[in-house]
Amino acid sequence: MTSFRRSNPAPQGQLQPGQRLARGVSRHLHALGFASLQEFVPTRGLRVDVLGLGPKGELWVVECKSSRADFQSDRKWQGYLEWCDRYFWAVDTEFPVDLLPQGTGLIIADGYDAEVIRMAPEEKLAAPRRRKLTQKFARDAARRLQSLCDPRPGRGGQLFTDPPIRG
């Protein structure tokens, strides 16, 4: 859970450009009946900007790119394809969309909303991977919610019953 807090260092109201896009995407996914998590780690070494879990169990990965340089520095995006049913890029209206690879989805977003411009092709996940990702999604969401309710459940994240000894 500490990774979520570290990955979102900007105070409320001071979101980075990619975080604003992710917020708009998350709002749009919600309107489509999806639950979403930002900064989701499907497996070690990969972190997707937004993972959406749809009403029928579908999993969408959305990578938010705020500039040409941001897109060109992304060397891991193809590794995300095996972790979703559909893969999208989310960019703002100023982004040169001709840079984005064909065969992927396109979402135009801002900090308030988004719109799917090009639906991504569907490549269904295998059932065991879908189950694993759905469980991880649920556990990560529950941990994030718990951290909002109780930001310090114990020393070092461990629960304790005895008060600390003070000398």
C-alpha atoms as a PDB file:
ATOM      1  CA  MET A   1       0.000   0.000   0.000  1.00  0.00           C
ATOM      2  CA  THR A   2       2.870   2.359   0.590  1.00  0.00           C
ATOM      3  CA  SER A   3       3.591   2.238  -3.153  1.00  0.00           C
ATOM      4  CA  PHE A   4       0.190   3.853  -3.839  1.00  0.00           C
ATOM      5  CA  ARG A   5       0.952   6.756  -1.542  1.00  0.00           C
ATOM      6  CA  ARG A   6       4.455   7.181  -2.979  1.00  0.00           C
ATOM      7  CA  SER A   7       3.198   7.018  -6.568  1.00  0.00           C
ATOM      8  CA  ASN A   8       0.717   9.848  -5.931  1.00  0.00           C
ATOM      9  CA  PRO A   9       2.936  12.514  -4.329  1.00  0.00           C
ATOM     10  CA  ALA A  10       1.105  15.591  -5.640  1.00  0.00           C
ATOM     11  CA  PRO A  11      -1.197  17.224  -3.104  1.00  0.00           C
ATOM     12  CA  GLN A  12      -4.881  17.485  -4.006  1.00  0.00           C
ATOM     13  CA  GLY A  13      -5.351  20.151  -6.665  1.00  0.00           C
ATOM     14  CA  GLN A  14      -1.754  19.865  -7.891  1.00  0.00           C
ATOM     15  CA  LEU A  15      -2.006  16.838 -10.138  1.00  0.00           C
ATOM     16  CA  GLN A  16       0.639  16.126 -12.760  1.00  0.00           C
ATOM     17  CA  PRO A  17      -0.572  16.092 -16.402  1.00  0.00           C
ATOM     18  CA  GLY A  18      -0.724  12.281 -16.562  1.00  0.00           C
ATOM     19  CA  GLN A  19      -2.601  12.154 -13.259  1.00  0.00           C
ATOM     20  CA  ARG A  20      -5.192  14.601 -14.612  1.00  0.00           C
ATOM     21  CA  LEU A  21      -5.704  12.369 -17.654  1.00  0.00           C
ATOM     22  CA  ALA A  22      -6.027   9.312 -15.385  1.00  0.00           C
ATOM     23  CA  ARG A  23      -8.668  11.095 -13.316  1.00  0.00           C
ATOM     24  CA  GLY A  24     -10.721  11.929 -16.418  1.00  0.00           C
ATOM     25  CA  VAL A  25     -10.347   8.365 -17.693  1.00  0.00           C
ATOM     26  CA  SER A  26     -11.414   6.943 -14.335  1.00  0.00           C
ATOM     27  CA  ARG A  27     -14.500   9.152 -14.313  1.00  0.00           C
ATOM     28  CA  HIS A  28     -15.430   8.014 -17.826  1.00  0.00           C
ATOM     29  CA  LEU A  29     -14.887   4.356 -16.969  1.00  0.00           C
ATOM     30  CA  HIS A  30     -17.145   4.827 -13.950  1.00  0.00           C
ATOM     31  CA  ALA A  31     -19.856   6.212 -16.240  1.00  0.00           C
ATOM     32  CA  LEU A  32     -19.483   3.034 -18.343  1.00  0.00           C
ATOM     33  CA  GLY A  33     -20.041   0.864 -15.259  1.00  0.00           C
ATOM     34  CA  PHE A  34     -16.372   0.075 -14.594  1.00  0.00           C
ATOM     35  CA  ALA A  35     -14.461   0.235 -11.339  1.00  0.00           C
ATOM     36  CA  SER A  36     -10.930   1.518 -11.833  1.00  0.00           C
ATOM     37  CA  LEU A  37      -7.617   1.693 -10.043  1.00  0.00           C
ATOM     38  CA  GLN A  38      -4.795   4.040 -10.907  1.00  0.00           C
ATOM     39  CA  GLU A  39      -1.153   2.983 -10.708  1.00  0.00           C
ATOM     40  CA  PHE A  40      -2.001  -0.725 -10.700  1.00  0.00           C
ATOM     41  CA  VAL A  41       0.834  -3.279 -10.684  1.00  0.00           C
ATOM     42  CA  PRO A  42      -0.295  -6.456 -12.481  1.00  0.00           C
ATOM     43  CA  THR A  43       3.092  -8.098 -11.991  1.00  0.00           C
ATOM     44  CA  ARG A  44       6.556  -7.130 -10.830  1.00  0.00           C
ATOM     45  CA  GLY A  45       8.154  -4.570 -13.138  1.00  0.00           C
ATOM     46  CA  LEU A  46       4.913  -3.301 -14.705  1.00  0.00           C
ATOM     47  CA  ARG A  47       2.659  -0.490 -13.525  1.00  0.00           C
ATOM     48  CA  VAL A  48      -0.336   0.572 -15.569  1.00  0.00           C
ATOM     49  CA  ASP A  49      -1.790   4.047 -15.269  1.00  0.00           C
ATOM     50  CA  VAL A  50      -5.414   2.866 -15.063  1.00  0.00           C
ATOM     51  CA  LEU A  51      -6.899  -0.615 -14.859  1.00  0.00           C
ATOM     52  CA  GLY A  52     -10.646  -0.803 -15.405  1.00  0.00           C
ATOM     53  CA  LEU A  53     -12.748  -3.758 -14.252  1.00  0.00           C
ATOM     54  CA  GLY A  54     -16.000  -3.876 -16.194  1.00  0.00           C
ATOM     55  CA  PRO A  55     -19.449  -5.105 -15.208  1.00  0.00           C
ATOM     56  CA  LYS A  56     -18.913  -8.404 -17.067  1.00  0.00           C
ATOM     57  CA  GLY A  57     -15.425  -8.919 -15.641  1.00  0.00           C
ATOM     58  CA  GLU A  58     -13.577  -7.412 -18.590  1.00  0.00           C
ATOM     59  CA  LEU A  59     -10.207  -5.797 -17.865  1.00  0.00           C
ATOM     60  CA  TRP A  60      -9.045  -2.695 -19.712  1.00  0.00           C
ATOM     61  CA  VAL A  61      -5.577  -1.156 -19.417  1.00  0.00           C
ATOM     62  CA  VAL A  62      -5.315   2.561 -20.134  1.00  0.00           C
ATOM     63  CA  GLU A  63      -1.927   4.244 -20.445  1.00  0.00           C
ATOM     64  CA  CYS A  64      -2.046   8.036 -20.093  1.00  0.00           C
ATOM     65  CA  LYS A  65       0.439  10.024 -22.162  1.00  0.00           C
ATOM     66  CA  SER A  66       0.720  13.750 -21.588  1.00  0.00           C
ATOM     67  CA  SER A  67       3.283  14.541 -24.300  1.00  0.00           C
ATOM     68  CA  ARG A  68       5.240  13.202 -27.257  1.00  0.00           C
ATOM     69  CA  ALA A  69       8.297  12.748 -25.014  1.00  0.00           C
ATOM     70  CA  ASP A  70       6.234  10.821 -22.450  1.00  0.00           C
ATOM     71  CA  PHE A  71       5.006   8.465 -25.176  1.00  0.00           C
ATOM     72  CA  GLN A  72       8.429   8.007 -26.785  1.00  0.00           C
ATOM     73  CA  SER A  73      10.046   7.162 -23.458  1.00  0.00           C
ATOM     74  CA  ASP A  74       7.534   4.344 -22.782  1.00  0.00           C
ATOM     75  CA  ARG A  75       9.331   1.113 -23.605  1.00  0.00           C
ATOM     76  CA  LYS A  76       7.104  -1.278 -21.627  1.00  0.00           C
ATOM     77  CA  TRP A  77       3.656  -0.768 -23.138  1.00  0.00           C
ATOM     78  CA  GLN A  78       3.665  -3.965 -25.217  1.00  0.00           C
ATOM     79  CA  GLY A  79       4.238  -5.929 -22.018  1.00  0.00           C
ATOM     80  CA  TYR A  80       0.836  -4.710 -20.795  1.00  0.00           C
ATOM     81  CA  LEU A  81      -1.061  -6.386 -23.634  1.00  0.00           C
ATOM     82  CA  GLU A  82      -0.983  -9.795 -21.974  1.00  0.00           C
ATOM     83  CA  TRP A  83      -2.612  -8.341 -18.830  1.00  0.00           C
ATOM     84  CA  CYS A  84      -5.869  -7.027 -20.311  1.00  0.00           C
ATOM     85  CA  ASP A  85      -8.763  -7.724 -22.657  1.00  0.00           C
ATOM     86  CA  ARG A  86      -8.425  -4.297 -24.286  1.00  0.00           C
ATOM     87  CA  TYR A  87      -5.542  -1.789 -24.345  1.00  0.00           C
ATOM     88  CA  PHE A  88      -6.024   1.977 -24.724  1.00  0.00           C
ATOM     89  CA  TRP A  89      -3.947   5.118 -24.903  1.00  0.00           C
ATOM     90  CA  ALA A  90      -5.394   8.202 -23.214  1.00  0.00           C
ATOM     91  CA  VAL A  91      -4.137  11.559 -24.465  1.00  0.00           C
ATOM     92  CA  ASP A  92      -5.345  15.150 -24.515  1.00  0.00           C
ATOM     93  CA  THR A  93      -6.624  17.041 -27.541  1.00  0.00           C
ATOM     94  CA  GLU A  94      -3.184  18.494 -28.308  1.00  0.00           C
ATOM     95  CA  PHE A  95      -1.416  15.118 -28.537  1.00  0.00           C
ATOM     96  CA  PRO A  96      -0.275  14.021 -32.046  1.00  0.00           C
ATOM     97  CA  VAL A  97      -2.427  10.860 -32.207  1.00  0.00           C
ATOM     98  CA  ASP A  98      -0.746   9.686 -35.424  1.00  0.00           C
ATOM     99  CA  LEU A  99       2.177   8.580 -33.189  1.00  0.00           C
ATOM    100  CA  LEU A 100       0.000   5.982 -31.454  1.00  0.00           C
ATOM    101  CA  PRO A 101       0.162   2.415 -32.756  1.00  0.00           C
ATOM    102  CA  GLN A 102      -2.726   1.049 -34.791  1.00  0.00           C
ATOM    103  CA  GLY A 103      -4.477  -1.915 -33.221  1.00  0.00           C
ATOM    104  CA  THR A 104      -4.813  -0.142 -29.873  1.00  0.00           C
ATOM    105  CA  GLY A 105      -7.661   1.914 -28.446  1.00  0.00           C
ATOM    106  CA  LEU A 106      -7.715   5.687 -28.222  1.00  0.00           C
ATOM    107  CA  ILE A 107      -9.289   7.810 -25.489  1.00  0.00           C
ATOM    108  CA  ILE A 108      -9.246  11.594 -25.506  1.00  0.00           C
ATOM    109  CA  ALA A 109      -9.235  12.875 -21.929  1.00  0.00           C
ATOM    110  CA  ASP A 110      -8.776  15.856 -19.679  1.00  0.00           C
ATOM    111  CA  GLY A 111      -8.924  16.205 -15.919  1.00  0.00           C
ATOM    112  CA  TYR A 112     -12.709  16.008 -15.836  1.00  0.00           C
ATOM    113  CA  ASP A 113     -13.847  13.387 -18.335  1.00  0.00           C
ATOM    114  CA  ALA A 114     -12.870  11.348 -21.350  1.00  0.00           C
ATOM    115  CA  GLU A 115     -14.298   9.775 -24.488  1.00  0.00           C
ATOM    116  CA  VAL A 116     -13.423   6.560 -26.292  1.00  0.00           C
ATOM    117  CA  ILE A 117     -12.542   7.620 -29.835  1.00  0.00           C
ATOM    118  CA  ARG A 118     -11.323   4.251 -31.112  1.00  0.00           C
ATOM    119  CA  MET A 119     -12.371   1.019 -29.396  1.00  0.00           C
ATOM    120  CA  ALA A 120      -9.448  -1.299 -28.751  1.00  0.00           C
ATOM    121  CA  PRO A 121      -9.594  -4.760 -30.263  1.00  0.00           C
ATOM    122  CA  GLU A 122     -10.539  -7.465 -27.790  1.00  0.00           C
ATOM    123  CA  GLU A 123      -8.058 -10.192 -26.875  1.00  0.00           C
ATOM    124  CA  LYS A 124      -9.687 -12.191 -24.089  1.00  0.00           C
ATOM    125  CA  LEU A 125      -7.494 -13.116 -21.148  1.00  0.00           C
ATOM    126  CA  ALA A 126      -7.151 -16.756 -20.160  1.00  0.00           C
ATOM    127  CA  ALA A 127      -9.447 -17.643 -17.244  1.00  0.00           C
ATOM    128  CA  PRO A 128      -6.637 -18.280 -14.688  1.00  0.00           C
ATOM    129  CA  ARG A 129      -4.988 -14.922 -15.421  1.00  0.00           C
ATOM    130  CA  ARG A 130      -8.360 -13.110 -15.309  1.00  0.00           C
ATOM    131  CA  ARG A 131      -9.088 -14.662 -11.911  1.00  0.00           C
ATOM    132  CA  LYS A 132      -5.650 -13.718 -10.561  1.00  0.00           C
ATOM    133  CA  LEU A 133      -5.943 -10.119 -11.813  1.00  0.00           C
ATOM    134  CA  THR A 134      -9.493  -9.712 -10.548  1.00  0.00           C
ATOM    135  CA  GLN A 135      -8.466 -10.924  -7.089  1.00  0.00           C
ATOM    136  CA  LYS A 136      -5.439  -8.624  -7.075  1.00  0.00           C
ATOM    137  CA  PHE A 137      -7.657  -5.734  -8.163  1.00  0.00           C
ATOM    138  CA  ALA A 138     -10.038  -6.434  -5.263  1.00  0.00           C
ATOM    139  CA  ARG A 139      -7.238  -6.769  -2.702  1.00  0.00           C
ATOM    140  CA  ASP A 140      -5.480  -3.598  -3.885  1.00  0.00           C
ATOM    141  CA  ALA A 141      -8.752  -1.650  -3.844  1.00  0.00           C
ATOM    142  CA  ALA A 142      -9.564  -2.895  -0.327  1.00  0.00           C
ATOM    143  CA  ARG A 143      -6.074  -1.981   0.931  1.00  0.00           C
ATOM    144  CA  ARG A 144      -6.334   1.505  -0.538  1.00  0.00           C
ATOM    145  CA  LEU A 145      -9.726   2.014   1.064  1.00  0.00           C
ATOM    146  CA  GLN A 146      -8.410   0.756   4.411  1.00  0.00           C
ATOM    147  CA  SER A 147      -5.460   3.151   4.226  1.00  0.00           C
ATOM    148  CA  LEU A 148      -7.905   6.038   3.856  1.00  0.00           C
ATOM    149  CA  CYS A 149      -9.816   4.878   6.943  1.00  0.00           C
ATOM    150  CA  ASP A 150      -6.715   4.079   8.987  1.00  0.00           C
ATOM    151  CA  PRO A 151      -3.493   5.449   7.517  1.00  0.00           C
ATOM    152  CA  ARG A 152      -1.361   3.793  10.227  1.00  0.00           C
ATOM    153  CA  PRO A 153      -2.718   0.375  11.207  1.00  0.00           C
ATOM    154  CA  GLY A 154       0.375  -0.412  13.231  1.00  0.00           C
ATOM    155  CA  ARG A 155       4.123  -0.068  13.381  1.00  0.00           C
ATOM    156  CA  GLY A 156       5.647  -0.904  10.016  1.00  0.00           C
ATOM    157  CA  GLY A 157       2.242  -1.974   8.727  1.00  0.00           C
ATOM    158  CA  GLN A 158       1.991  -4.717  11.377  1.00  0.00           C
ATOM    159  CA  LEU A 159      -0.911  -4.734  13.770  1.00  0.00           C
ATOM    160  CA  PHE A 160      -0.005  -4.529  17.440  1.00  0.00           C
ATOM    161  CA  THR A 161      -1.906  -4.759  20.687  1.00  0.00           C
ATOM    162  CA  ASP A 162       0.565  -3.535  23.299  1.00  0.00           C
ATOM    163  CA  PRO A 163       1.245   0.197  23.520  1.00  0.00           C
ATOM    164  CA  PRO A 164       4.825   1.189  22.753  1.00  0.00           C
ATOM    165  CA  ILE A 165       7.167   1.227  25.755  1.00  0.00           C
ATOM    166  CA  ARG A 166       8.388   4.690  26.549  1.00  0.00           C
ATOM    167  CA  GLY A 167      11.433   5.165  28.658  1.00  0.00           C
END
